[in-house]
C-alpha cells in the first residue's frame, strides 16, 4: 500500500466521509417515512441490505464464527437502542434529535469511571461539564418548544447505549477483523429489529415505492455499511484526536440536513449546544491521546 494511503490525513479523510454518511441518516429516514415506512420496518431493511453487502466475506465469516457471534450480540444490543433515535427523528426536529444523540461523551466518561474503573481526571470533568451545559441548552424551553416529552426522554437511550458500545468495542471487538465485525454488528441489528418488529408491530412492511426502496438502500449502503466501514478503516490511521475532529462532521452534516432539506430553524441555543458538544468531543479525544 502506498505510504500516502497509510497517513493520518488519509485516515482522517476516511473518517470524515464516514461521518458525512452517518450525518445523512435523517435525510434518508425522513424520505422513507414520507413513503409510509415505519421506523422499525425501515431499520429491518437497513440491516438486511447491509448484511447482504457483507456476503462476499462469507467464507471469512464462517471461519471466525466465535468472533462473529460476539459482534452479533454487541450489535443487537446497540442497534436495538438506535430504534429510539429513528423514532425521535419522526417526532422531533432533526437538530434536537441529533444534539441529544451527541451527548454520548458524557455517558462514555461516566461508564468508564463507574463501570470500568477509569480515572476521573480534570480533563474528564471538563468534557462532562461541557456536555452538561450543552444538555441544559438543548433542553431549554426555547429549544424544546412544544416537542413531546416521551420521544425526548427516549432519545437519550441511544447515546447511553452508544457510550457502552464504545467501551465494549474497545475491550471485546477491537481484535476482530473488520469484515467479521461489520457483518456481526449488522446481523445483530437485523435480528434485533426483526424480533422487535414482529413483537411490537406484528410484522414488517415492504417499501411501497421506488423512493422508499431507494431511501432504505441509501441508508443501508451509504449511512451504514459504507459509513461504519470507512470509520473502522480510517480511525486506526488517523488516531483519536483526528478521528474526533473528522467524526464531528456527522453533527454538522445532520444540522445542515435539518436546515436545508427540511427548513427546520436552528436556534441560538441549539448552536450553543452544538459548539459545547464539539468542544467536549475534542477534549475527550485529547484524553484518549494522553492515554496512548
Protein backbone atom coordinates (compact mmCIF):
# COMPACT_ATOMS: atom_id res chain seq x y z
CA UNK A 1 0.00 0.00 0.00
CA UNK A 2 1.44 3.46 -0.91
CA UNK A 3 2.65 5.43 2.10
CA UNK A 4 0.17 8.26 1.46
CA UNK A 5 -2.66 5.73 1.92
CA UNK A 6 -1.34 4.91 5.38
CA UNK A 7 -1.01 8.52 6.51
CA UNK A 8 -3.01 10.08 9.37
CA UNK A 9 -4.53 12.61 6.97
CA UNK A 10 -5.83 9.85 4.71
CA UNK A 11 -7.30 8.14 7.75
CA UNK A 12 -8.89 11.43 8.77
CA UNK A 13 -10.42 11.75 5.30
CA UNK A 14 -11.90 8.25 5.56
CA UNK A 15 -13.42 9.05 8.95
CA UNK A 16 -14.73 12.36 7.61
CA UNK A 17 -16.51 10.74 4.68
CA UNK A 18 -17.93 8.14 7.03
CA UNK A 19 -19.18 10.90 9.32
CA UNK A 20 -20.94 12.58 6.40
CA UNK A 21 -22.63 9.26 5.65
CA UNK A 22 -23.84 8.98 9.24
CA UNK A 23 -24.98 12.60 9.13
CA UNK A 24 -27.22 11.90 6.14
CA UNK A 25 -29.30 9.35 8.10
CA UNK A 26 -32.07 11.89 8.91
CA UNK A 27 -32.45 12.69 5.20
CA UNK A 28 -32.93 9.07 4.16
CA UNK A 29 -35.10 8.23 7.18
CA UNK A 30 -37.48 11.14 6.61
CA UNK A 31 -37.76 10.22 2.91
CA UNK A 32 -38.74 6.65 3.86
CA UNK A 33 -41.25 7.87 6.46
CA UNK A 34 -42.89 10.09 3.86
CA UNK A 35 -43.43 6.97 1.74
CA UNK A 36 -45.21 5.13 4.56
CA UNK A 37 -42.42 3.08 6.17
CA UNK A 38 -42.35 2.89 9.97
CA UNK A 39 -39.04 3.30 11.81
CA UNK A 40 -38.99 -0.42 12.62
CA UNK A 41 -39.62 -1.58 9.08
CA UNK A 42 -37.05 0.87 7.76
CA UNK A 43 -34.42 -0.47 10.15
CA UNK A 44 -35.16 -4.07 9.17
CA UNK A 45 -34.48 -3.25 5.53
CA UNK A 46 -31.49 -1.12 6.50
CA UNK A 47 -29.77 -4.02 8.20
CA UNK A 48 -30.95 -6.65 5.73
CA UNK A 49 -29.34 -4.74 2.86
CA UNK A 50 -26.20 -4.08 4.94
CA UNK A 51 -25.90 -7.81 5.72
CA UNK A 52 -26.32 -8.57 2.00
CA UNK A 53 -23.37 -6.24 1.30
CA UNK A 54 -21.24 -8.44 3.59
CA UNK A 55 -21.93 -11.69 1.72
CA UNK A 56 -18.66 -11.58 -0.29
CA UNK A 57 -16.90 -12.10 3.05
CA UNK A 58 -18.97 -15.20 3.92
CA UNK A 59 -16.02 -17.68 3.88
CA UNK A 60 -14.04 -15.43 6.22
CA UNK A 61 -17.08 -15.01 8.49
CA UNK A 62 -17.66 -18.76 8.68
CA UNK A 63 -14.02 -19.24 9.62
CA UNK A 64 -14.42 -16.85 12.58
CA UNK A 65 -17.79 -17.90 13.94
CA UNK A 66 -16.96 -17.13 17.57
CA UNK A 67 -15.88 -13.58 16.76
CA UNK A 68 -18.94 -13.17 14.56
CA UNK A 69 -21.25 -14.20 17.42
CA UNK A 70 -19.56 -11.77 19.82
CA UNK A 71 -20.08 -8.92 17.34
CA UNK A 72 -23.65 -10.07 16.71
CA UNK A 73 -24.59 -9.89 20.39
CA UNK A 74 -22.93 -6.48 20.82
CA UNK A 75 -24.58 -5.20 17.65
CA UNK A 76 -28.02 -6.47 18.66
CA UNK A 77 -27.92 -4.57 21.94
CA UNK A 78 -26.61 -1.31 20.49
CA UNK A 79 -28.67 -1.30 17.31
CA UNK A 80 -31.87 -2.11 19.21
CA UNK A 81 -31.41 1.13 21.14
CA UNK A 82 -30.98 3.06 17.89
CA UNK A 83 -34.64 2.41 17.19
CA UNK A 84 -35.38 5.27 19.59
CA UNK A 85 -33.17 7.59 17.52
CA UNK A 86 -35.22 6.83 14.43
CA UNK A 87 -38.48 7.18 16.35
CA UNK A 88 -37.27 10.57 17.59
CA UNK A 89 -36.46 11.61 14.01
CA UNK A 90 -40.13 11.07 13.22
CA UNK A 91 -41.42 13.06 16.20
CA UNK A 92 -38.78 15.74 16.81
CA UNK A 93 -36.71 18.12 14.73
CA UNK A 94 -33.52 16.78 13.19
CA UNK A 95 -31.38 19.24 15.16
CA UNK A 96 -32.90 18.31 18.53
CA UNK A 97 -32.66 14.55 17.83
CA UNK A 98 -29.03 14.73 16.74
CA UNK A 99 -27.95 17.03 19.55
CA UNK A 100 -29.43 14.60 22.08
CA UNK A 101 -27.51 11.75 20.42
CA UNK A 102 -24.28 13.72 20.71
CA UNK A 103 -24.47 13.85 24.49
CA UNK A 104 -22.71 10.46 24.34
CA UNK A 105 -19.31 11.81 25.56
CA UNK A 106 -20.86 12.40 29.00
CA UNK A 107 -22.13 8.82 29.19
CA UNK A 108 -18.83 7.49 27.86
CA UNK A 109 -16.91 9.18 30.66
CA UNK A 110 -19.39 8.09 33.34
CA UNK A 111 -19.48 4.46 32.17
CA UNK A 112 -15.69 4.34 32.01
CA UNK A 113 -15.46 5.72 35.55
CA UNK A 114 -18.28 3.76 37.19
CA UNK A 115 -18.20 0.57 35.17
CA UNK A 116 -14.58 0.06 34.18
CA UNK A 117 -12.64 1.88 36.87
CA UNK A 118 -11.25 4.59 34.59
CA UNK A 119 -9.62 7.50 36.39
CA UNK A 120 -11.76 10.65 36.56
CA UNK A 121 -9.30 13.36 35.59
CA UNK A 122 -9.66 17.12 35.29
CA UNK A 123 -9.96 16.75 31.52
CA UNK A 124 -12.75 14.17 32.03
CA UNK A 125 -14.59 16.59 34.27
CA UNK A 126 -14.22 19.44 31.77
CA UNK A 127 -15.66 17.30 28.96
CA UNK A 128 -18.52 16.12 31.17
CA UNK A 129 -19.28 19.67 32.27
CA UNK A 130 -19.33 20.88 28.65
CA UNK A 131 -21.89 18.21 27.73
CA UNK A 132 -23.99 19.02 30.81
CA UNK A 133 -24.04 22.68 29.79
CA UNK A 134 -24.96 21.66 26.25
CA UNK A 135 -27.77 19.48 27.56
CA UNK A 136 -29.08 22.45 29.53
CA UNK A 137 -29.24 24.49 26.31
CA UNK A 138 -30.72 21.61 24.30
CA UNK A 139 -33.46 21.02 26.88
CA UNK A 140 -34.26 24.69 27.42
CA UNK A 141 -37.82 25.86 26.69
CA UNK A 142 -36.51 27.88 23.74
CA UNK A 143 -35.17 24.70 22.10
CA UNK A 144 -37.83 22.19 23.12
CA UNK A 145 -40.85 24.37 22.33
CA UNK A 146 -43.88 22.08 22.22
CA UNK A 147 -41.86 18.90 21.49
CA UNK A 148 -43.46 15.76 23.00
CA UNK A 149 -41.73 14.73 26.22
CA UNK A 150 -41.56 10.94 25.74
CA UNK A 151 -39.54 10.96 22.47
CA UNK A 152 -37.15 13.46 24.07
CA UNK A 153 -36.59 11.20 27.08
CA UNK A 154 -36.29 8.04 24.97
CA UNK A 155 -33.88 9.90 22.71
CA UNK A 156 -31.27 9.70 25.48
CA UNK A 157 -31.20 5.88 25.31
CA UNK A 158 -29.15 5.74 22.05
CA UNK A 159 -26.28 7.92 23.35
CA UNK A 160 -26.22 5.86 26.55
CA UNK A 161 -26.10 2.63 24.53
CA UNK A 162 -23.50 4.07 22.15
CA UNK A 163 -21.26 5.01 25.07
CA UNK A 164 -21.48 1.45 26.41
CA UNK A 165 -20.85 0.07 22.91
CA UNK A 166 -17.69 2.20 22.63
CA UNK A 167 -16.27 0.60 25.77
CA UNK A 168 -17.29 -2.92 24.77
CA UNK A 169 -15.92 -2.43 21.26
CA UNK A 170 -12.58 -1.25 22.63
CA UNK A 171 -12.32 -4.20 25.02
CA UNK A 172 -14.02 -7.03 23.14
CA UNK A 173 -14.26 -6.18 19.42
CA UNK A 174 -11.01 -4.41 18.57
CA UNK A 175 -9.19 -7.70 17.81
CA UNK A 176 -11.92 -8.88 15.42
CA UNK A 177 -11.27 -8.43 11.69
CA UNK A 178 -13.25 -5.57 10.17
CA UNK A 179 -15.33 -7.75 7.76
CA UNK A 180 -16.34 -10.07 10.62
CA UNK A 181 -17.04 -7.12 12.91
CA UNK A 182 -19.22 -5.35 10.34
CA UNK A 183 -21.20 -8.43 9.40
CA UNK A 184 -21.72 -9.36 13.05
CA UNK A 185 -22.92 -5.92 14.09
CA UNK A 186 -25.26 -5.64 11.11
CA UNK A 187 -26.60 -9.15 11.65
CA UNK A 188 -27.20 -8.32 15.30
CA UNK A 189 -29.12 -5.22 14.26
CA UNK A 190 -31.22 -7.24 11.82
CA UNK A 191 -32.07 -9.90 14.43
CA UNK A 192 -32.99 -7.25 17.00
CA UNK A 193 -35.21 -5.33 14.58
CA UNK A 194 -36.97 -8.49 13.38
CA UNK A 195 -37.72 -9.58 16.95
CA UNK A 196 -38.96 -6.15 17.96
CA UNK A 197 -40.85 -5.71 14.69
CA UNK A 198 -42.85 -8.90 14.96
CA UNK A 199 -43.34 -8.46 18.70
CA UNK A 200 -44.33 -4.79 18.56
CA UNK A 201 -45.90 -4.22 15.16
CA UNK A 202 -46.85 -7.82 14.31
CA UNK A 203 -44.85 -7.83 11.10
CA UNK A 204 -42.57 -5.94 8.73
CA UNK A 205 -43.80 -3.70 5.93
CA UNK A 206 -42.26 -3.80 2.46
CA UNK A 207 -41.25 -0.45 0.98
CA UNK A 208 -44.20 0.58 -1.15
CA UNK A 209 -42.44 2.68 -3.79
CA UNK A 210 -39.14 3.05 -5.60
CA UNK A 211 -38.41 6.12 -3.49
CA UNK A 212 -38.93 4.12 -0.28
CA UNK A 213 -36.64 1.35 -1.57
CA UNK A 214 -34.09 3.96 -2.62
CA UNK A 215 -34.17 5.64 0.80
CA UNK A 216 -33.75 2.28 2.59
CA UNK A 217 -30.91 1.28 0.26
CA UNK A 218 -29.14 4.62 0.68
CA UNK A 219 -29.47 4.36 4.46
CA UNK A 220 -28.01 0.83 4.33
CA UNK A 221 -25.21 1.34 1.80
CA UNK A 222 -24.11 4.93 2.43
CA UNK A 223 -25.04 5.52 6.08
CA UNK A 224 -24.46 2.02 7.49
CA UNK A 225 -22.17 -0.30 5.51
CA UNK A 226 -20.10 2.46 3.92
CA UNK A 227 -20.03 4.88 6.84
CA UNK A 228 -19.08 2.34 9.50
CA UNK A 229 -16.60 0.66 7.18
CA UNK A 230 -14.83 3.96 6.49
CA UNK A 231 -14.77 4.76 10.20
CA UNK A 232 -13.22 1.40 11.10
CA UNK A 233 -10.64 1.72 8.32
CA UNK A 234 -9.75 5.33 8.98
CA UNK A 235 -9.72 5.62 12.77
CA UNK A 236 -6.59 3.46 13.35
CA UNK A 237 -4.71 5.55 10.78
CA UNK A 238 -5.95 8.92 11.98
CA UNK A 239 -5.69 8.38 15.73
CA UNK A 240 -8.23 9.55 18.32
CA UNK A 241 -7.78 13.31 18.01
CA UNK A 242 -8.03 13.50 14.22
CA UNK A 243 -10.86 10.95 14.25
CA UNK A 244 -12.80 13.11 16.70
CA UNK A 245 -12.32 16.20 14.55
CA UNK A 246 -13.37 14.39 11.38
CA UNK A 247 -16.18 12.50 13.13
CA UNK A 248 -17.72 15.76 14.27
CA UNK A 249 -18.73 16.18 10.65
CA UNK A 250 -21.71 13.94 11.44
CA UNK A 251 -23.19 16.54 13.76
CA UNK A 252 -22.58 19.36 11.30
CA UNK A 253 -23.99 17.35 8.37
CA UNK A 254 -27.16 16.44 10.27
CA UNK A 255 -27.75 20.04 11.34
CA UNK A 256 -27.37 21.13 7.72
CA UNK A 257 -29.81 18.40 6.60
CA UNK A 258 -32.43 19.71 9.02
CA UNK A 259 -31.85 23.29 7.95
CA UNK A 260 -31.55 22.85 4.16
CA UNK A 261 -33.69 19.78 3.41
CA UNK A 262 -36.50 20.35 5.90
CA UNK A 263 -36.28 24.11 6.57
CA UNK A 264 -36.07 23.49 10.31
CA UNK A 265 -34.72 26.51 12.18
CA UNK A 266 -31.60 26.14 14.29
CA UNK A 267 -31.98 28.36 17.35
CA UNK A 268 -29.08 30.14 19.08
CA UNK A 269 -29.49 27.68 21.99
CA UNK A 270 -29.05 24.75 19.57
CA UNK A 271 -25.96 26.35 18.05
CA UNK A 272 -24.55 26.94 21.52
CA UNK A 273 -25.26 23.34 22.47
CA UNK A 274 -23.58 22.11 19.29
CA UNK A 275 -20.49 24.22 19.97
CA UNK A 276 -20.22 22.87 23.52
CA UNK A 277 -20.64 19.28 22.33
CA UNK A 278 -17.93 19.72 19.70
CA UNK A 279 -15.62 21.12 22.37
CA UNK A 280 -16.40 18.12 24.62
CA UNK A 281 -15.61 15.70 21.78
CA UNK A 282 -12.23 17.33 21.21
CA UNK A 283 -11.46 17.26 24.94
CA UNK A 284 -12.43 13.56 25.07
CA UNK A 285 -10.15 12.86 22.12
CA UNK A 286 -7.33 14.61 23.92
CA UNK A 287 -7.90 12.32 26.91
CA UNK A 288 -7.59 9.26 24.64
CA UNK A 289 -4.42 10.68 23.10
CA UNK A 290 -2.84 11.18 26.51
CA UNK A 291 -3.67 7.57 27.46
CA UNK A 292 -1.77 6.31 24.44
